[in-house]
Amino acid sequence: MASPIYTGFMYAASKDALAVNALVQASIQDHSEAIAFHCQQAAEKMVKAVFTENGQVPPKSHDIGDLLSTAIEQAWLKASQPAIQAAIDLTLYAVAARYETTPDISIGEATKAIKDCNFVATMLADNGYEYVTVHTEDAPEANALI
């Protein structure tokens, strides 16, 4: 089966997911900050794609919880409380993972970011939207924690 051809926000989300896949394979321990950041970015861009699919320009925000809340208010999708919480939890990594003054992100936190990103993806799939997932099959240290 051929890989989907993405455009716009979904193209960008797919690139973030590929980056996470590569970083996990290289070493989740050495790249936990970047993994968490790219998981946040992938989820943010997937949710922003919902806006464009509904003919709207998404707000300039990294807050996935707020973006998701707006999409729910617009009746573009439905989300469970755990999916909303996963989005909220990922938002921290939009900034925290990018600056040296923030605490180190642990392997457990990076692994949770992967799980949260995939949880947001599943919620979008359940609503009929495009999604991307992060694959960790070839990374035993990540799979042991997921």
Protein backbone atom coordinates (compact mmCIF):
# COMPACT_ATOMS: atom_id res chain seq x y z
CA MET A 1 0.00 0.00 0.00
CA ALA A 2 1.33 3.41 -0.94
CA SER A 3 1.86 6.06 1.69
CA PRO A 4 -0.76 8.81 1.72
CA ILE A 5 0.15 12.07 0.05
CA TYR A 6 -0.45 14.86 2.54
CA THR A 7 -0.75 18.58 1.95
CA GLY A 8 -0.82 21.64 4.18
CA PHE A 9 -0.94 21.02 7.90
CA MET A 10 -1.11 17.25 7.42
CA TYR A 11 2.08 17.31 5.36
CA ALA A 12 3.81 19.20 8.17
CA ALA A 13 2.36 16.82 10.79
CA SER A 14 3.61 13.82 8.83
CA LYS A 15 7.12 15.31 8.78
CA ASP A 16 7.01 15.77 12.56
CA ALA A 17 5.88 12.16 12.99
CA LEU A 18 8.73 10.97 10.77
CA ALA A 19 11.17 13.02 12.85
CA VAL A 20 9.88 11.37 16.03
CA ASN A 21 10.22 7.94 14.45
CA ALA A 22 13.84 8.66 13.50
CA LEU A 23 14.70 10.13 16.90
CA VAL A 24 13.16 7.19 18.76
CA GLN A 25 15.16 4.78 16.62
CA ALA A 26 18.36 6.75 17.27
CA SER A 27 17.85 6.89 21.05
CA ILE A 28 14.84 8.02 22.99
CA GLN A 29 17.14 8.75 25.95
CA ASP A 30 19.33 11.15 23.98
CA HIS A 31 16.50 12.88 22.15
CA SER A 32 13.61 13.03 24.62
CA GLU A 33 13.20 16.83 24.40
CA ALA A 34 13.06 16.79 20.60
CA ILE A 35 10.71 13.80 20.61
CA ALA A 36 8.28 15.55 22.95
CA PHE A 37 8.47 18.75 20.87
CA HIS A 38 7.78 16.99 17.57
CA CYS A 39 4.91 15.02 19.13
CA GLN A 40 3.36 18.31 20.22
CA GLN A 41 3.91 19.79 16.79
CA ALA A 42 2.38 16.80 15.00
CA ALA A 43 -0.72 16.89 17.19
CA GLU A 44 -1.07 20.67 16.85
CA LYS A 45 -0.85 20.50 13.07
CA MET A 46 -3.34 17.62 12.87
CA VAL A 47 -5.87 19.62 14.89
CA LYS A 48 -5.20 22.72 12.77
CA ALA A 49 -5.94 20.61 9.68
CA VAL A 50 -9.48 20.18 11.05
CA PHE A 51 -9.91 23.95 10.79
CA THR A 52 -8.74 24.11 7.18
CA GLU A 53 -10.89 21.12 6.25
CA ASN A 54 -13.84 23.09 7.57
CA GLY A 55 -12.89 26.20 5.58
CA GLN A 56 -11.42 28.15 8.50
CA VAL A 57 -7.99 29.57 9.19
CA PRO A 58 -6.79 28.11 12.50
CA PRO A 59 -5.83 30.48 15.30
CA LYS A 60 -2.12 31.20 15.72
CA SER A 61 -1.77 29.16 18.86
CA HIS A 62 0.30 26.27 20.13
CA ASP A 63 -2.34 25.40 22.73
CA ILE A 64 -3.76 22.13 21.38
CA GLY A 65 -6.39 22.01 24.14
CA ASP A 66 -7.75 25.42 23.09
CA LEU A 67 -7.66 24.45 19.40
CA LEU A 68 -9.50 21.23 20.18
CA SER A 69 -12.07 23.07 22.32
CA THR A 70 -12.80 25.45 19.45
CA ALA A 71 -13.22 22.54 17.02
CA ILE A 72 -15.61 20.86 19.47
CA GLU A 73 -17.60 24.10 19.96
CA GLN A 74 -17.91 24.37 16.18
CA ALA A 75 -19.26 20.79 16.14
CA TRP A 76 -16.51 19.70 13.76
CA LEU A 77 -15.62 16.78 15.99
CA LYS A 78 -16.28 15.03 19.27
CA ALA A 79 -13.58 14.20 21.78
CA SER A 80 -13.50 12.27 25.01
CA GLN A 81 -12.08 13.83 28.16
CA PRO A 82 -8.95 11.62 27.88
CA ALA A 83 -8.34 12.91 24.33
CA ILE A 84 -8.75 16.49 25.52
CA GLN A 85 -6.35 15.82 28.40
CA ALA A 86 -3.80 14.30 26.01
CA ALA A 87 -3.99 17.49 23.93
CA ILE A 88 -3.57 19.66 27.02
CA ASP A 89 -0.62 17.59 28.22
CA LEU A 90 1.16 17.88 24.86
CA THR A 91 0.86 21.67 24.84
CA LEU A 92 3.62 21.98 27.45
CA TYR A 93 6.17 20.71 24.94
CA ALA A 94 5.56 23.49 22.41
CA VAL A 95 7.89 25.72 24.38
CA ALA A 96 9.31 23.75 27.30
CA ALA A 97 11.23 21.31 25.14
CA ARG A 98 12.92 24.07 23.17
CA TYR A 99 14.78 26.09 25.78
CA GLU A 100 17.75 25.12 27.90
CA THR A 101 16.29 26.80 31.00
CA THR A 102 13.52 24.23 31.21
CA PRO A 103 13.94 20.97 33.06
CA ASP A 104 15.09 17.92 31.14
CA ILE A 105 12.30 15.86 29.66
CA SER A 106 12.57 12.27 30.83
CA ILE A 107 12.25 9.14 28.73
CA GLY A 108 8.90 8.54 30.46
CA GLU A 109 7.66 12.02 29.53
CA ALA A 110 8.81 11.60 25.92
CA THR A 111 7.12 8.21 25.76
CA LYS A 112 3.90 9.70 27.17
CA ALA A 113 4.12 12.45 24.53
CA ILE A 114 4.22 9.75 21.84
CA LYS A 115 1.22 8.02 23.39
CA ASP A 116 -0.66 11.35 23.69
CA CYS A 117 0.09 12.27 20.08
CA ASN A 118 -1.21 8.92 18.90
CA PHE A 119 -4.26 9.33 21.16
CA VAL A 120 -5.07 12.65 19.47
CA ALA A 121 -4.55 10.96 16.09
CA THR A 122 -6.97 8.17 17.02
CA MET A 123 -9.58 10.72 18.12
CA LEU A 124 -9.25 12.51 14.78
CA ALA A 125 -9.52 9.20 12.90
CA ASP A 126 -12.65 8.34 14.88
CA ASN A 127 -14.13 11.63 13.65
CA GLY A 128 -13.26 10.88 10.01
CA TYR A 129 -10.27 13.21 9.69
CA GLU A 130 -6.81 12.50 8.35
CA TYR A 131 -4.18 11.67 10.92
CA VAL A 132 -0.61 10.50 11.31
CA THR A 133 0.82 8.27 14.00
CA VAL A 134 4.21 7.79 15.52
CA HIS A 135 5.57 4.28 15.13
CA THR A 136 7.89 2.82 17.74
CA GLU A 137 7.90 -0.88 16.81
CA ASP A 138 11.65 -0.94 16.26
CA ALA A 139 12.54 0.88 19.48
CA PRO A 140 12.47 -1.56 22.41
CA GLU A 141 13.22 1.12 25.02
CA ALA A 142 10.16 3.13 23.92
CA ASN A 143 7.88 0.11 23.62
CA ALA A 144 8.77 -1.04 27.11
CA LEU A 145 7.31 2.20 28.45
CA ILE A 146 4.26 2.63 26.20
